[in-house]
Protein backbone atom coordinates (compact mmCIF):
# COMPACT_ATOMS: atom_id res chain seq x y z
CA MET A 1 -117.04 57.70 -54.92
CA ASN A 2 -120.52 56.69 -55.61
CA SER A 3 -123.12 60.21 -56.54
CA TYR A 4 -126.88 59.88 -55.92
CA PRO A 5 -127.65 63.03 -57.95
CA HIS A 6 -130.94 62.67 -57.50
CA VAL A 7 -131.30 61.90 -53.90
CA VAL A 8 -131.97 63.97 -50.72
CA HIS A 9 -129.42 62.63 -47.71
CA VAL A 10 -131.28 63.82 -44.52
CA CYS A 11 -129.14 64.21 -41.63
CA ILE A 12 -129.34 65.26 -37.85
CA ALA A 13 -127.32 67.51 -36.19
CA THR A 14 -125.07 66.44 -33.61
CA GLY A 15 -122.11 67.24 -31.51
CA GLN A 16 -119.73 65.16 -33.34
CA ASN A 17 -121.01 65.91 -36.94
CA ALA A 18 -117.11 63.69 -38.48
CA ALA A 19 -120.20 61.04 -38.38
CA ASN A 20 -122.75 62.66 -40.63
CA LEU A 21 -119.87 64.45 -43.38
CA ILE A 22 -117.92 61.14 -43.77
CA PRO A 23 -121.19 59.17 -45.51
CA LEU A 24 -122.03 62.55 -47.23
CA LYS A 25 -118.42 62.67 -48.59
CA GLN A 26 -118.15 59.61 -49.21
CA LEU A 27 -121.65 59.32 -51.43
CA ASP A 28 -120.84 62.67 -53.30
CA ALA A 29 -124.45 64.44 -51.83
CA GLN A 30 -125.59 66.76 -53.67
CA GLU A 31 -128.72 67.31 -52.18
CA ILE A 32 -128.47 67.66 -48.34
CA TRP A 33 -130.97 68.46 -45.80
CA ILE A 34 -129.68 69.13 -41.92
CA LEU A 35 -132.83 68.29 -39.69
CA GLN A 36 -131.48 71.05 -36.63
CA THR A 37 -133.62 70.99 -33.12
CA PRO A 38 -133.18 74.47 -30.94
CA ASN A 39 -130.13 72.96 -29.30
CA MET A 40 -128.06 72.02 -32.56
CA LYS A 41 -128.51 75.24 -34.75
CA ALA A 42 -125.14 75.77 -34.41
CA ASN A 43 -124.00 72.23 -35.14
CA ALA A 44 -126.12 72.29 -38.26
CA ALA A 45 -124.14 75.64 -39.43
CA HIS A 46 -120.87 74.30 -38.45
CA LEU A 47 -121.65 71.07 -40.69
CA GLN A 48 -123.25 73.28 -43.40
CA THR A 49 -120.11 75.22 -43.63
CA ALA A 50 -117.92 72.14 -44.20
CA LEU A 51 -120.51 71.36 -47.08
CA ARG A 52 -119.95 74.45 -49.23
CA ARG A 53 -119.42 73.27 -52.55
CA GLU A 54 -120.50 75.29 -55.50
CA GLY A 55 -123.07 72.86 -57.05
CA ARG A 56 -124.11 71.56 -53.85
CA LEU A 57 -128.02 72.31 -52.44
CA ILE A 58 -127.83 72.63 -48.95
CA GLU A 59 -131.04 73.51 -46.75
CA ARG A 60 -130.82 73.51 -42.62
CA VAL A 61 -134.96 72.39 -41.22
CA ASP A 62 -135.77 73.30 -38.08
CA PHE A 63 -136.96 69.95 -36.36
CA ASP A 64 -138.96 70.27 -32.95
CA ASP A 65 -137.69 68.02 -30.49
CA SER A 66 -139.35 68.83 -27.63
CA SER A 67 -141.29 65.97 -27.00
CA PRO A 68 -142.93 62.79 -28.62
CA GLU A 69 -145.69 64.33 -30.11
CA ALA A 70 -143.22 67.30 -31.42
CA ILE A 71 -140.86 64.76 -32.74
CA ILE A 72 -143.47 62.74 -34.50
CA ARG A 73 -145.37 66.21 -36.17
CA SER A 74 -141.64 67.21 -37.06
CA SER A 75 -141.29 63.90 -38.48
CA GLN A 76 -144.63 64.11 -40.64
CA ASP A 77 -143.70 67.25 -41.89
CA VAL A 78 -140.09 66.79 -43.45
CA THR A 79 -141.56 63.21 -44.73
CA LEU A 80 -144.39 65.23 -46.31
CA ARG A 81 -141.76 67.51 -47.89
CA LEU A 82 -140.38 64.80 -49.44
CA ASP A 83 -143.27 62.82 -50.80
CA GLY A 84 -142.15 61.30 -54.11
CA ARG A 85 -138.48 60.99 -53.58
CA GLN A 86 -135.82 59.32 -53.61
CA VAL A 87 -134.06 59.71 -50.15
CA ILE A 88 -131.18 58.39 -47.59
CA LEU A 89 -131.50 58.92 -44.03
CA HIS A 90 -128.79 59.36 -42.16
CA ALA A 91 -129.40 57.76 -38.72
CA THR A 92 -126.14 58.34 -36.97
CA GLY A 93 -127.04 61.54 -35.56
CA GLY A 94 -130.07 62.81 -33.37
CA THR A 95 -131.51 60.90 -30.19
CA LYS A 96 -133.04 57.32 -30.71
CA LEU A 97 -136.45 58.39 -30.80
CA MET A 98 -135.73 60.77 -33.42
CA VAL A 99 -134.56 57.97 -35.32
CA LEU A 100 -137.19 56.09 -34.98
CA ALA A 101 -140.00 58.13 -36.06
CA LEU A 102 -138.30 59.52 -38.46
CA SER A 103 -137.66 55.79 -40.19
CA GLU A 104 -141.55 54.93 -39.58
CA GLU A 105 -142.87 58.19 -40.95
CA LEU A 106 -140.50 57.84 -43.98
CA ARG A 107 -141.36 54.23 -44.71
CA LEU A 108 -143.90 56.02 -46.51
CA LEU A 109 -142.21 56.82 -49.45
CA GLY A 110 -142.13 53.01 -50.62
CA THR A 111 -146.00 53.00 -50.85
CA GLY A 112 -145.51 55.88 -53.68
CA VAL A 113 -142.98 56.81 -56.54
CA GLY A 114 -140.47 57.49 -53.64
CA SER A 115 -138.24 55.38 -51.52
CA LEU A 116 -135.48 54.94 -48.46
CA ASP A 117 -132.54 53.71 -47.95
CA VAL A 118 -130.67 54.07 -44.16
CA LEU A 119 -127.40 54.20 -43.39
CA TYR A 120 -125.54 54.53 -39.71
CA ALA A 121 -121.89 55.32 -40.17
CA GLU A 122 -119.70 53.14 -37.81
CA THR A 123 -116.55 55.62 -36.82
CA ARG A 124 -115.12 52.88 -34.56
CA ARG A 125 -115.27 50.10 -37.21
CA GLN A 126 -114.56 52.12 -40.20
CA GLN A 127 -118.29 51.41 -42.43
CA ILE A 128 -120.99 52.24 -42.97
CA ASP A 129 -124.10 50.11 -42.58
CA TRP A 130 -127.37 50.04 -45.08
CA LEU A 131 -130.92 48.73 -44.20
CA GLY A 132 -133.14 49.61 -46.90
CA ARG A 133 -133.91 47.93 -50.08
CA GLN A 134 -130.01 46.08 -50.33
CA PRO A 135 -128.61 45.69 -46.43
CA ARG A 136 -125.05 45.59 -46.54
CA THR A 137 -121.95 46.99 -44.99
CA GLU A 138 -119.57 48.96 -47.03
CA PRO A 139 -115.91 50.17 -46.11
CA MET A 140 -115.74 53.69 -44.78
CA ALA A 141 -113.38 56.13 -46.86
CA ASP A 142 -110.45 58.45 -45.65
CA VAL A 143 -112.60 61.24 -47.06
CA LEU A 144 -111.85 64.09 -43.51
CA ASP A 145 -108.79 66.16 -44.08
CA LEU A 146 -107.89 68.19 -41.52
CA GLN A 147 -109.54 71.24 -42.50
CA ASP A 148 -113.00 69.64 -42.97
CA MET A 149 -112.56 68.12 -39.46
CA LEU A 150 -111.93 70.97 -37.96
CA LEU A 151 -114.49 73.19 -39.91
CA VAL A 152 -117.13 70.54 -39.16
CA GLN A 153 -116.21 70.91 -35.29
CA GLY A 154 -117.03 74.63 -35.74
CA TYR A 155 -113.08 75.80 -35.94
CA ARG A 156 -110.97 77.34 -38.08
CA ILE A 157 -107.25 77.84 -38.25
CA GLU A 158 -106.40 81.26 -37.32
CA GLY A 159 -102.10 81.06 -37.78
CA GLU A 160 -99.99 77.85 -38.50
CA SER A 161 -96.61 77.30 -39.68
CA ARG A 162 -97.12 77.71 -43.18
CA HIS A 163 -96.11 74.41 -44.63
CA ALA A 164 -93.81 74.73 -47.82
CA ASP A 165 -91.86 77.38 -45.74
CA ALA A 166 -92.05 75.00 -42.25
CA GLN A 167 -90.92 71.96 -44.31
CA ALA A 168 -88.19 74.24 -46.16
CA ARG A 169 -86.83 75.48 -43.03
CA ALA A 170 -86.95 72.37 -41.46
CA GLN A 171 -84.76 70.74 -43.26
CA THR A 172 -82.16 73.15 -43.56
CA ARG A 173 -81.76 71.98 -39.67
CA ALA A 174 -82.09 68.25 -39.96
CA ASP A 175 -79.61 67.05 -38.86
CA ILE A 176 -79.57 68.61 -35.30
CA THR A 177 -83.68 68.21 -34.95
CA ARG A 178 -83.08 64.45 -35.63
CA ASP A 179 -80.55 64.31 -32.92
CA LEU A 180 -82.07 65.81 -30.40
CA GLY A 181 -84.49 63.92 -30.79
CA ASP A 182 -83.67 61.07 -31.36
CA ASN A 183 -81.37 60.74 -28.53
CA ALA A 184 -83.39 62.78 -26.67
CA ALA A 185 -82.14 60.83 -23.62
CA LYS A 186 -78.67 61.53 -23.82
CA HIS A 187 -79.19 65.76 -24.39
CA ALA A 188 -81.61 65.58 -21.37
CA LYS A 189 -79.64 66.92 -18.44
CA TYR A 190 -78.21 69.97 -21.04
CA LEU A 191 -81.66 70.91 -23.14
CA GLY A 192 -82.90 72.55 -19.77
CA ALA A 193 -79.51 75.08 -20.04
CA LEU A 194 -80.23 75.10 -23.70
CA ASN A 195 -84.18 76.81 -22.91
CA ALA A 196 -82.47 78.82 -19.80
CA ILE A 197 -80.31 80.25 -22.53
CA ALA A 198 -82.30 80.54 -25.75
CA GLU A 199 -85.74 81.86 -23.89
CA GLY A 200 -84.85 85.87 -23.31
CA ALA A 201 -83.64 86.48 -27.07
CA ALA A 202 -86.91 84.07 -28.17
CA LYS A 203 -88.82 86.64 -25.86
CA GLY A 204 -87.27 89.32 -27.02
CA GLN A 205 -86.09 90.67 -23.48
CA TYR A 206 -82.15 91.27 -24.30
CA GLU A 207 -82.03 94.66 -25.49
CA ARG A 208 -78.47 94.14 -27.53
CA ASP A 209 -78.67 91.91 -30.72
CA LEU A 210 -80.30 88.87 -28.80
CA THR A 211 -76.97 88.90 -26.83
CA SER A 212 -76.95 86.33 -23.72
CA ILE A 213 -73.66 86.34 -21.43
CA MET A 214 -73.53 83.48 -19.56
CA LYS A 215 -72.29 83.20 -16.01
CA HIS A 216 -70.06 80.35 -16.96
CA ALA A 217 -68.85 79.16 -20.03
CA PRO A 218 -70.59 75.96 -20.94
CA ARG A 219 -68.52 72.80 -21.99
CA GLY A 220 -69.43 69.49 -22.49
CA GLY A 221 -72.35 68.38 -23.98
CA LEU A 222 -74.24 71.64 -23.71
CA ALA A 223 -71.20 73.25 -25.89
CA ASP A 224 -71.56 69.97 -28.74
CA LEU A 225 -75.10 71.87 -28.98
CA LEU A 226 -74.00 75.49 -29.36
CA GLU A 227 -71.39 74.15 -31.99
CA GLN A 228 -74.09 72.20 -33.96
CA ALA A 229 -76.60 75.29 -33.94
CA GLN A 230 -73.50 77.68 -34.68
CA ALA A 231 -72.55 75.36 -37.97
CA LYS A 232 -76.63 76.03 -38.82
CA GLY A 233 -76.28 79.25 -38.58
CA LEU A 234 -79.00 79.63 -35.50
CA LEU A 235 -76.12 81.72 -33.38
CA ARG A 236 -72.46 83.02 -33.01
CA TRP A 237 -70.63 81.74 -30.02
CA ASP A 238 -67.10 83.37 -28.76
CA GLY A 239 -66.63 79.89 -26.89
CA GLU A 240 -67.20 81.61 -24.01
CA LEU A 241 -69.86 84.05 -21.96
CA ALA A 242 -70.95 85.18 -24.90
CA ILE A 243 -73.92 83.69 -27.22
CA THR A 244 -75.86 85.51 -29.77
CA PHE A 245 -78.77 84.58 -31.77
CA ALA A 246 -79.73 84.95 -35.27
CA ASP A 247 -83.24 86.17 -34.70
CA LYS A 248 -85.99 85.41 -32.53
CA GLN A 249 -87.07 82.36 -34.77
CA ALA A 250 -83.67 81.25 -34.16
CA ALA A 251 -84.26 81.46 -30.17
CA LYS A 252 -87.81 80.07 -30.49
CA TYR A 253 -86.24 76.99 -32.49
CA LEU A 254 -83.64 76.32 -29.39
CA CYS A 255 -86.08 76.74 -26.64
CA GLY A 256 -88.29 74.06 -27.80
CA GLY A 257 -89.43 74.81 -31.05
CA TRP A 258 -86.82 72.07 -32.68
CA LEU A 259 -89.40 69.07 -31.04
CA GLU A 260 -92.15 70.30 -32.66
CA GLU A 261 -90.18 70.18 -35.70
CA PHE A 262 -89.05 66.66 -35.28
CA VAL A 263 -92.35 65.47 -35.38
CA LEU A 264 -93.04 67.65 -38.73
CA LEU A 265 -89.78 65.86 -40.13
CA LYS A 266 -91.45 62.19 -39.60
CA LEU A 267 -95.07 63.10 -40.11
CA THR A 268 -93.25 64.48 -43.53
CA GLY A 269 -92.50 60.71 -44.35
CA ILE A 270 -95.62 58.76 -43.10
CA ALA A 271 -99.23 61.18 -43.71
CA ARG A 272 -100.42 62.91 -46.98
CA PRO A 273 -100.16 67.04 -47.05
CA GLY A 274 -102.95 68.65 -45.89
CA TYR A 275 -103.77 65.82 -43.65
CA PHE A 276 -101.24 67.47 -40.79
CA SER A 277 -99.87 70.47 -39.54
CA ILE A 278 -98.04 71.69 -36.95
CA ASN A 279 -97.80 75.13 -34.61
CA LEU A 280 -101.57 75.59 -34.90
CA GLN A 281 -103.56 78.62 -33.77
CA ILE A 282 -107.09 77.25 -33.97
CA VAL A 283 -110.19 79.08 -33.26
CA SER A 284 -114.15 78.47 -32.39
CA ALA A 285 -116.60 80.23 -34.67
CA THR A 286 -118.69 81.82 -32.35
CA GLY A 287 -114.55 83.46 -31.74
CA GLY A 288 -113.23 83.42 -28.54
CA VAL A 289 -109.38 82.86 -27.15
CA PRO A 290 -107.97 80.97 -29.97
CA ASN A 291 -106.20 77.43 -28.78
CA GLU A 292 -102.39 76.13 -29.09
CA ILE A 293 -102.08 72.45 -30.79
CA ASP A 294 -98.14 71.61 -31.73
CA ALA A 295 -99.12 69.08 -33.73
CA MET A 296 -102.06 67.47 -35.81
CA LEU A 297 -102.63 64.34 -38.10
CA VAL A 298 -105.92 63.32 -39.22
CA HIS A 299 -105.45 59.79 -41.21
CA ARG A 300 -109.03 57.37 -41.86
CA ASN A 301 -110.98 60.49 -40.14
CA ARG A 302 -109.80 60.13 -37.22
CA VAL A 303 -107.65 62.74 -35.54
CA LEU A 304 -104.38 62.74 -33.55
CA LEU A 305 -103.38 65.29 -31.17
CA ILE A 306 -99.65 66.07 -29.64
CA GLU A 307 -98.31 68.43 -27.24
CA CYS A 308 -95.17 68.70 -27.06
CA LYS A 309 -92.95 69.66 -24.25
CA THR A 310 -88.59 70.20 -23.96
CA ARG A 311 -89.42 71.46 -20.19
CA ARG A 312 -88.95 69.66 -16.78
CA GLN A 313 -92.18 68.44 -16.11
CA ASP A 314 -93.95 70.38 -12.80
CA GLU A 315 -96.91 70.69 -11.44
CA LYS A 316 -98.65 72.82 -14.55
CA VAL A 317 -98.62 69.17 -16.37
CA GLN A 318 -102.09 68.00 -15.62
CA ASP A 319 -103.15 71.88 -16.89
CA ALA A 320 -101.63 70.43 -20.02
CA PHE A 321 -103.28 67.11 -20.05
CA TYR A 322 -106.75 68.70 -19.37
CA LYS A 323 -106.28 71.22 -22.08
CA LEU A 324 -105.02 68.31 -24.14
CA ALA A 325 -108.08 66.00 -23.19
CA GLN A 326 -110.87 68.50 -24.26
CA LEU A 327 -109.58 69.49 -27.27
CA ARG A 328 -109.64 66.11 -28.32
CA GLU A 329 -112.82 66.02 -27.40
CA ARG A 330 -113.48 68.41 -29.49
CA LEU A 331 -112.37 67.81 -32.75
CA GLY A 332 -112.41 64.03 -32.66
CA GLY A 333 -115.31 62.33 -30.50
CA SER A 334 -114.44 59.12 -28.86
CA VAL A 335 -112.30 57.74 -31.09
CA ALA A 336 -109.69 60.63 -31.50
CA ALA A 337 -106.28 60.00 -29.94
CA SER A 338 -104.01 62.65 -28.30
CA LEU A 339 -100.09 62.14 -27.77
CA TYR A 340 -97.53 63.64 -24.86
CA LEU A 341 -94.39 63.57 -25.91
CA SER A 342 -91.27 65.39 -23.81
CA ALA A 343 -88.28 65.49 -24.40
CA ARG A 344 -87.13 65.03 -21.25
CA PRO A 345 -88.30 62.29 -18.49
CA VAL A 346 -91.15 62.06 -16.37
CA ASP A 347 -92.22 60.34 -13.20
CA VAL A 348 -94.75 57.95 -12.61
CA GLU A 349 -96.65 60.63 -11.14
CA VAL A 350 -96.69 62.11 -14.53
CA LEU A 351 -97.48 58.82 -16.25
CA LYS A 352 -100.40 58.26 -13.61
CA ARG A 353 -101.72 61.43 -14.31
CA ALA A 354 -101.98 60.85 -18.43
CA LYS A 355 -103.81 57.80 -18.18
CA GLU A 356 -106.27 59.06 -16.24
CA TYR A 357 -106.28 61.15 -19.07
CA GLY A 358 -106.26 58.69 -21.42
CA ILE A 359 -103.12 60.65 -22.87
CA ASP A 360 -100.32 58.26 -24.17
CA VAL A 361 -96.73 59.62 -23.44
CA LEU A 362 -93.45 59.32 -25.11
CA ALA A 363 -90.66 60.55 -22.88
CA ALA A 364 -87.16 61.02 -23.35
CA ASP A 365 -85.60 57.77 -24.74
CA LYS A 366 -88.75 56.85 -26.22
CA VAL A 367 -88.76 59.74 -28.38
CA THR A 368 -87.04 58.07 -31.21
CA GLY A 369 -89.75 55.90 -31.03
CA LEU A 370 -92.75 58.32 -32.16
CA VAL A 371 -93.18 57.09 -36.12
CA ALA A 372 -93.35 52.87 -34.92
CA TRP A 373 -96.18 54.35 -32.68
CA ILE A 374 -97.64 56.51 -35.03
CA ARG A 375 -97.84 53.79 -37.77
CA ASN A 376 -99.88 51.70 -34.94
CA TRP A 377 -102.06 54.38 -34.14
CA GLN A 378 -102.77 54.63 -37.76
CA GLU A 379 -103.23 50.84 -37.95
CA VAL A 380 -105.93 50.26 -35.62
């Protein structure tokens, strides 16, 4: 990374602060002024939180954008304080009028011993464009990990599967997980029954030993799945009506958690540690109800959210799409992507709804193409 130890980086807090954070991290900025309008104080605080590091100087500066006259006055106040300094103006945030006014006023620095360079972070093209003493374009570095992306948008992790524990647990039953995922279409007609058997145990509804008593003895493909699960120590089955789960976690795995583990196994091979996770619970810095995310991946400063479903799709699918689209916008903005991964087939109406929300779908026999889909997204 380039380092500018004597430069003041001036940026404008915005609703999508990742575009501010990327160049600040890439340039290893040591002194940073975050201009905050009245409506952007919370966003400025999120950016400051994401930037906190020992030895780094960060100041939040109030900026009045209530009128053109106020914008000029605020720009002049900033310029007076920066007289004689080397300044880089990050022009990615703020309104056009704010950026124009700041650029015009800060150019006065060049008439003395100070200097001004202006940069713009073009996240869609993955590049940083420079104006000033040396106009140029340079590639954008891959600097934001999962924690950065959450913090800069005002979220923190309240709960998630401990990465090492989740990976170790997933490896012990990787063969059954891969079989369920790679052959989801073959198993689709049995997954509903498997969910139904395991759901009561997963929710703690059985009073005696996590045991489910079936009305009819499982046969065929469902019996094969139960035998595989028994071989992995997930349950005990007498071959007839009684099925006893090892614990609630085992029941949750068979009730649908296996699909999240399928994603984890795939991501482990194609993504860096710290840039992905499964089963996250994130909460806003202002509090409120936690949001659950089945899987999240950050690659080249872009977010991918994955929603996993093993149940038959119903009228609630639109609610799931709405929630996924909202989280995608909050966490990654216009360059983020979302994927709906369904172990069961989906109909034309579901695909139509997904398209309306800008969500990609992999269902049933397409689930096995997850790695190819993610690699294609990574390369775009």
